Amino acid sequence: MKKQDLIKAIAAQAGLSQDAVSKVLTSFIDITTSELSSGNEVNITGFGAFKVSERAARNGVNPRTGESIKIPAMKSPVFRAGKTLKEAVR
């Protein structure tokens, strides 16, 4: 499902305009991105939690040349599904 399909589905189920749903979804994405950039978590009870995971620096291998390379430390966003979502998917 793409973003526009999600907007249409939410609008139909909630009885709202697609424009209103689009604004809400865009705001949610912007706020979540901002909070994660600040190092905070975003928890949605019954759905899951978005957080930042820190990966340590490590050594890797270039698969084409076999050369050893240094992979720098980085932060990456992680989503952890909540209990209700996990049970619904099962």
N, C-alpha and C. Protein backbone atom coordinates (compact mmCIF):
# COMPACT_ATOMS: atom_id res chain seq x y z
N MET A 1 0.85 -1.17 0.00
CA MET A 1 0.00 0.00 0.00
C MET A 1 0.89 1.24 0.00
N LYS A 2 0.61 2.14 -0.88
CA LYS A 2 1.36 3.38 -0.97
C LYS A 2 0.69 4.46 -0.13
N LYS A 3 1.40 5.57 0.05
CA LYS A 3 0.90 6.65 0.89
C LYS A 3 -0.47 7.13 0.41
N GLN A 4 -0.64 7.34 -0.88
CA GLN A 4 -1.91 7.84 -1.39
C GLN A 4 -3.03 6.84 -1.17
N ASP A 5 -2.73 5.53 -1.29
CA ASP A 5 -3.73 4.49 -1.02
C ASP A 5 -4.13 4.50 0.45
N LEU A 6 -3.16 4.70 1.33
CA LEU A 6 -3.43 4.78 2.76
C LEU A 6 -4.32 5.98 3.07
N ILE A 7 -4.04 7.10 2.46
CA ILE A 7 -4.84 8.31 2.67
C ILE A 7 -6.28 8.06 2.24
N LYS A 8 -6.48 7.44 1.08
CA LYS A 8 -7.83 7.14 0.59
C LYS A 8 -8.57 6.20 1.53
N ALA A 9 -7.88 5.18 2.02
CA ALA A 9 -8.50 4.19 2.91
C ALA A 9 -8.90 4.83 4.24
N ILE A 10 -8.02 5.65 4.81
CA ILE A 10 -8.34 6.31 6.08
C ILE A 10 -9.49 7.27 5.89
N ALA A 11 -9.47 8.04 4.81
CA ALA A 11 -10.55 9.00 4.53
C ALA A 11 -11.89 8.29 4.41
N ALA A 12 -11.91 7.16 3.72
CA ALA A 12 -13.16 6.42 3.54
C ALA A 12 -13.66 5.85 4.87
N GLN A 13 -12.77 5.30 5.67
CA GLN A 13 -13.17 4.68 6.93
C GLN A 13 -13.57 5.71 7.98
N ALA A 14 -12.87 6.84 8.03
CA ALA A 14 -13.14 7.85 9.04
C ALA A 14 -14.19 8.87 8.61
N GLY A 15 -14.55 8.86 7.34
CA GLY A 15 -15.52 9.82 6.84
C GLY A 15 -14.97 11.23 6.77
N LEU A 16 -13.68 11.34 6.48
CA LEU A 16 -13.01 12.63 6.37
C LEU A 16 -12.59 12.87 4.93
N SER A 17 -12.22 14.11 4.64
CA SER A 17 -11.73 14.40 3.29
C SER A 17 -10.30 13.89 3.15
N GLN A 18 -9.92 13.59 1.93
CA GLN A 18 -8.57 13.13 1.68
C GLN A 18 -7.55 14.22 2.00
N ASP A 19 -7.93 15.47 1.79
CA ASP A 19 -7.04 16.59 2.09
C ASP A 19 -6.73 16.66 3.59
N ALA A 20 -7.76 16.49 4.41
CA ALA A 20 -7.57 16.53 5.87
C ALA A 20 -6.69 15.37 6.33
N VAL A 21 -6.95 14.19 5.81
CA VAL A 21 -6.16 13.01 6.18
C VAL A 21 -4.72 13.18 5.71
N SER A 22 -4.52 13.73 4.53
CA SER A 22 -3.18 13.96 4.02
C SER A 22 -2.39 14.90 4.93
N LYS A 23 -3.04 15.98 5.40
CA LYS A 23 -2.39 16.92 6.31
C LYS A 23 -2.01 16.25 7.62
N VAL A 24 -2.91 15.43 8.15
CA VAL A 24 -2.64 14.73 9.41
C VAL A 24 -1.50 13.74 9.25
N LEU A 25 -1.52 12.97 8.18
CA LEU A 25 -0.46 11.98 7.94
C LEU A 25 0.89 12.64 7.73
N THR A 26 0.91 13.73 6.98
CA THR A 26 2.15 14.47 6.76
C THR A 26 2.67 15.05 8.07
N SER A 27 1.76 15.57 8.90
CA SER A 27 2.16 16.10 10.21
C SER A 27 2.72 14.99 11.10
N PHE A 28 2.08 13.83 11.08
CA PHE A 28 2.57 12.69 11.86
C PHE A 28 3.99 12.31 11.44
N ILE A 29 4.22 12.24 10.15
CA ILE A 29 5.54 11.88 9.64
C ILE A 29 6.57 12.92 10.04
N ASP A 30 6.22 14.20 9.89
CA ASP A 30 7.15 15.29 10.24
C ASP A 30 7.49 15.28 11.72
N ILE A 31 6.48 15.12 12.57
CA ILE A 31 6.71 15.12 14.02
C ILE A 31 7.51 13.91 14.44
N THR A 32 7.19 12.74 13.89
CA THR A 32 7.93 11.53 14.22
C THR A 32 9.39 11.67 13.80
N THR A 33 9.64 12.21 12.62
CA THR A 33 11.00 12.42 12.15
C THR A 33 11.74 13.38 13.06
N SER A 34 11.09 14.46 13.46
CA SER A 34 11.70 15.45 14.34
C SER A 34 12.05 14.84 15.70
N GLU A 35 11.13 14.08 16.26
CA GLU A 35 11.37 13.46 17.57
C GLU A 35 12.51 12.44 17.49
N LEU A 36 12.54 11.64 16.45
CA LEU A 36 13.62 10.66 16.30
C LEU A 36 14.95 11.35 16.09
N SER A 37 14.96 12.46 15.36
CA SER A 37 16.20 13.22 15.15
C SER A 37 16.73 13.78 16.46
N SER A 38 15.82 14.07 17.38
CA SER A 38 16.21 14.59 18.69
C SER A 38 16.61 13.48 19.66
N GLY A 39 16.46 12.23 19.24
CA GLY A 39 16.83 11.11 20.09
C GLY A 39 15.70 10.60 20.96
N ASN A 40 14.48 11.09 20.73
CA ASN A 40 13.32 10.66 21.52
C ASN A 40 12.62 9.48 20.86
N GLU A 41 11.74 8.84 21.61
CA GLU A 41 10.93 7.75 21.08
C GLU A 41 9.52 8.26 20.82
N VAL A 42 8.81 7.58 19.92
CA VAL A 42 7.41 7.86 19.66
C VAL A 42 6.66 6.56 19.90
N ASN A 43 5.85 6.52 20.96
CA ASN A 43 5.10 5.32 21.32
C ASN A 43 3.63 5.51 21.01
N ILE A 44 3.05 4.54 20.31
CA ILE A 44 1.62 4.55 20.02
C ILE A 44 1.06 3.28 20.63
N THR A 45 0.35 3.43 21.74
CA THR A 45 -0.17 2.29 22.48
C THR A 45 -1.04 1.42 21.58
N GLY A 46 -0.78 0.12 21.61
CA GLY A 46 -1.53 -0.82 20.81
C GLY A 46 -1.00 -0.99 19.40
N PHE A 47 -0.11 -0.12 18.97
CA PHE A 47 0.44 -0.20 17.62
C PHE A 47 1.92 -0.53 17.65
N GLY A 48 2.71 0.32 18.32
CA GLY A 48 4.14 0.06 18.39
C GLY A 48 4.92 1.30 18.77
N ALA A 49 6.23 1.20 18.65
CA ALA A 49 7.11 2.29 19.05
C ALA A 49 8.17 2.51 17.98
N PHE A 50 8.42 3.78 17.70
CA PHE A 50 9.50 4.18 16.82
C PHE A 50 10.63 4.67 17.72
N LYS A 51 11.85 4.21 17.49
CA LYS A 51 12.98 4.68 18.27
C LYS A 51 14.23 4.68 17.40
N VAL A 52 15.30 5.22 17.95
CA VAL A 52 16.57 5.29 17.24
C VAL A 52 17.50 4.24 17.80
N SER A 53 18.10 3.47 16.92
CA SER A 53 19.07 2.45 17.31
C SER A 53 20.45 2.93 16.90
N GLU A 54 21.41 2.81 17.80
CA GLU A 54 22.78 3.21 17.48
C GLU A 54 23.59 1.97 17.14
N ARG A 55 24.22 2.01 15.98
CA ARG A 55 25.05 0.90 15.54
C ARG A 55 26.51 1.29 15.70
N ALA A 56 27.27 0.43 16.30
CA ALA A 56 28.69 0.70 16.54
C ALA A 56 29.49 0.61 15.24
N ALA A 57 30.63 1.25 15.23
CA ALA A 57 31.54 1.15 14.08
C ALA A 57 32.04 -0.29 14.00
N ARG A 58 32.28 -0.74 12.78
CA ARG A 58 32.73 -2.13 12.61
C ARG A 58 33.52 -2.25 11.32
N ASN A 59 34.19 -3.36 11.20
CA ASN A 59 34.95 -3.64 9.98
C ASN A 59 34.08 -4.48 9.06
N GLY A 60 34.18 -4.21 7.76
CA GLY A 60 33.43 -4.97 6.77
C GLY A 60 34.34 -5.33 5.61
N VAL A 61 33.75 -6.02 4.63
CA VAL A 61 34.50 -6.45 3.46
C VAL A 61 33.74 -6.02 2.22
N ASN A 62 34.44 -5.37 1.29
CA ASN A 62 33.85 -5.01 0.02
C ASN A 62 33.68 -6.30 -0.77
N PRO A 63 32.43 -6.68 -1.13
CA PRO A 63 32.22 -7.96 -1.80
C PRO A 63 32.83 -8.04 -3.20
N ARG A 64 33.03 -6.93 -3.87
CA ARG A 64 33.62 -6.96 -5.21
C ARG A 64 35.12 -7.18 -5.18
N THR A 65 35.80 -6.45 -4.27
CA THR A 65 37.26 -6.48 -4.27
C THR A 65 37.83 -7.34 -3.15
N GLY A 66 37.03 -7.65 -2.15
CA GLY A 66 37.54 -8.40 -1.01
C GLY A 66 38.33 -7.53 -0.05
N GLU A 67 38.36 -6.22 -0.33
CA GLU A 67 39.12 -5.27 0.48
C GLU A 67 38.40 -5.02 1.81
N SER A 68 39.15 -4.94 2.89
CA SER A 68 38.61 -4.64 4.21
C SER A 68 38.29 -3.14 4.28
N ILE A 69 37.10 -2.82 4.77
CA ILE A 69 36.70 -1.42 4.89
C ILE A 69 36.18 -1.15 6.31
N LYS A 70 36.25 0.10 6.72
CA LYS A 70 35.76 0.50 8.03
C LYS A 70 34.36 1.10 7.84
N ILE A 71 33.37 0.53 8.51
CA ILE A 71 32.01 1.03 8.45
C ILE A 71 31.80 1.91 9.68
N PRO A 72 31.48 3.20 9.50
CA PRO A 72 31.37 4.11 10.64
C PRO A 72 30.13 3.84 11.49
N ALA A 73 30.16 4.32 12.72
CA ALA A 73 29.00 4.23 13.61
C ALA A 73 27.88 5.06 13.01
N MET A 74 26.63 4.61 13.23
CA MET A 74 25.50 5.36 12.68
C MET A 74 24.26 5.12 13.53
N LYS A 75 23.31 5.97 13.33
CA LYS A 75 22.01 5.83 13.97
C LYS A 75 21.00 5.46 12.89
N SER A 76 20.06 4.58 13.25
CA SER A 76 19.03 4.22 12.28
C SER A 76 17.69 4.10 12.99
N PRO A 77 16.60 4.47 12.31
CA PRO A 77 15.28 4.36 12.91
C PRO A 77 14.84 2.90 12.97
N VAL A 78 14.12 2.57 14.05
CA VAL A 78 13.65 1.20 14.25
C VAL A 78 12.19 1.26 14.68
N PHE A 79 11.38 0.34 14.17
CA PHE A 79 10.00 0.23 14.61
C PHE A 79 9.85 -1.10 15.33
N ARG A 80 9.30 -1.05 16.52
CA ARG A 80 9.04 -2.27 17.28
C ARG A 80 7.53 -2.39 17.43
N ALA A 81 6.96 -3.45 16.87
CA ALA A 81 5.51 -3.65 16.89
C ALA A 81 5.02 -3.92 18.30
N GLY A 82 3.84 -3.39 18.62
CA GLY A 82 3.21 -3.61 19.92
C GLY A 82 2.49 -4.95 19.96
N LYS A 83 2.09 -5.34 21.15
CA LYS A 83 1.46 -6.64 21.35
C LYS A 83 0.16 -6.78 20.54
N THR A 84 -0.66 -5.74 20.53
CA THR A 84 -1.93 -5.80 19.80
C THR A 84 -1.71 -5.99 18.31
N LEU A 85 -0.74 -5.27 17.74
CA LEU A 85 -0.44 -5.41 16.32
C LEU A 85 0.12 -6.80 16.01
N LYS A 86 1.00 -7.30 16.85
CA LYS A 86 1.57 -8.64 16.64
C LYS A 86 0.47 -9.70 16.63
N GLU A 87 -0.46 -9.59 17.60
CA GLU A 87 -1.54 -10.58 17.68
C GLU A 87 -2.48 -10.48 16.48
N ALA A 88 -2.73 -9.28 15.99
CA ALA A 88 -3.61 -9.10 14.84
C ALA A 88 -3.00 -9.70 13.58
N VAL A 89 -1.68 -9.62 13.44
CA VAL A 89 -1.00 -10.14 12.26
C VAL A 89 -0.94 -11.67 12.29
N ARG A 90 -0.81 -12.22 13.48
CA ARG A 90 -0.74 -13.68 13.60
C ARG A 90 -2.05 -14.25 13.17
